[in-house]
Protein backbone atom coordinates (compact mmCIF):
# COMPACT_ATOMS: atom_id res chain seq x y z
CA MET A 1 67.17 -109.56 -43.79
CA ASN A 2 65.26 -107.35 -41.44
CA ARG A 3 66.69 -104.35 -39.61
CA ASP A 4 67.97 -106.64 -36.82
CA GLY A 5 69.99 -108.65 -39.33
CA LEU A 6 67.77 -111.71 -39.01
CA GLY A 7 66.87 -113.82 -42.03
CA TYR A 8 63.11 -113.51 -41.76
CA ILE A 9 60.32 -111.00 -42.14
CA GLU A 10 57.16 -110.59 -40.09
CA TRP A 11 53.98 -110.74 -42.10
CA HIS A 12 50.51 -109.87 -40.86
CA GLU A 13 48.39 -111.19 -43.73
CA PRO A 14 47.45 -114.70 -44.90
CA VAL A 15 50.42 -116.58 -46.31
CA TYR A 16 48.44 -119.13 -48.34
CA GLY A 17 46.10 -118.57 -51.25
CA ARG A 18 44.19 -120.74 -53.70
CA ARG A 19 44.21 -120.75 -57.45
CA VAL A 20 42.47 -122.64 -60.20
CA GLU A 21 44.72 -124.58 -62.55
CA MET A 22 44.27 -125.23 -66.28
CA ASP A 23 42.58 -128.58 -65.55
CA ARG A 24 39.99 -126.69 -63.42
CA ARG A 25 41.27 -128.28 -60.21
CA TRP A 26 42.41 -126.05 -57.36
CA THR A 27 45.78 -125.63 -55.63
CA VAL A 28 46.59 -124.11 -52.25
CA TYR A 29 49.89 -122.25 -52.60
CA HIS A 30 52.34 -120.07 -50.70
CA VAL A 31 51.62 -116.52 -51.87
CA PHE A 32 55.26 -115.36 -51.76
CA THR A 33 56.77 -118.25 -53.71
CA GLY A 34 53.84 -119.62 -55.73
CA ILE A 35 54.85 -123.14 -54.65
CA PRO A 36 52.00 -125.52 -53.77
CA ALA A 37 51.53 -125.84 -50.02
CA GLU A 38 52.37 -129.05 -48.22
CA ALA A 39 50.93 -130.40 -44.99
CA GLY A 40 50.92 -133.77 -43.26
CA CYS A 41 48.76 -135.14 -46.07
CA GLY A 42 51.15 -134.03 -48.83
CA ARG A 43 50.90 -131.41 -51.56
CA MET A 44 47.66 -129.49 -51.81
CA THR A 45 46.94 -129.84 -55.50
CA GLY A 46 44.10 -131.37 -57.52
CA LEU A 47 41.44 -130.15 -55.10
CA SER A 48 37.87 -129.01 -55.55
CA LYS A 49 37.20 -125.33 -54.87
CA ALA A 50 35.53 -126.21 -51.55
CA GLU A 51 38.46 -128.42 -50.45
CA ALA A 52 40.98 -125.75 -51.42
CA THR A 53 39.03 -123.08 -49.51
CA ILE A 54 38.86 -125.17 -46.34
CA LYS A 55 42.55 -126.15 -46.48
CA MET A 56 43.66 -122.58 -47.25
CA MET A 57 41.64 -121.18 -44.35
CA SER A 58 42.97 -123.88 -42.03
CA LEU A 59 46.60 -123.19 -42.97
CA ASN A 60 46.13 -119.44 -42.56
CA SER A 61 44.41 -119.83 -39.19
CA HIS A 62 47.24 -122.05 -37.93
CA ALA A 63 49.75 -119.49 -39.14
CA GLY A 64 48.03 -116.99 -36.85
CA ALA A 65 47.57 -113.27 -37.27
CA ARG A 66 51.33 -112.78 -37.02
CA CYS A 67 53.44 -115.36 -38.77
CA ILE A 68 57.13 -115.43 -39.50
CA VAL A 69 58.22 -116.30 -43.02
CA ARG A 70 61.83 -117.17 -43.66
CA ALA A 71 63.30 -115.06 -46.43
CA PRO A 72 64.81 -117.19 -49.20
CA SER A 73 68.56 -117.14 -49.48
CA SER A 74 70.02 -115.59 -52.57
CA PRO A 75 71.35 -118.22 -54.99
CA TYR A 76 74.40 -115.98 -55.32
CA ALA A 77 75.13 -115.71 -51.60
CA SER A 78 78.23 -117.39 -50.31
CA PRO A 79 77.72 -120.12 -47.65
CA GLU A 80 79.15 -117.77 -45.03
CA THR A 81 76.48 -115.11 -45.67
CA ALA A 82 73.48 -117.34 -46.41
């Protein structure tokens, strides 16, 4: 939680990155969680480097210079505090 007690943080950097997988295909992923990104077309895995670059840049530009990322709830938090 931030200092106002809200369950999110403000982030001023790109939220999505790209990585090469063992099969030499590329994945666009969320840099905080490592989870492959999803958009209207589905998961962003199995891409060429060029496709991954374009999709990553598009996601980051839509997120804007100032995006809000919801902080994950603790798996140990009670439902009242999550």
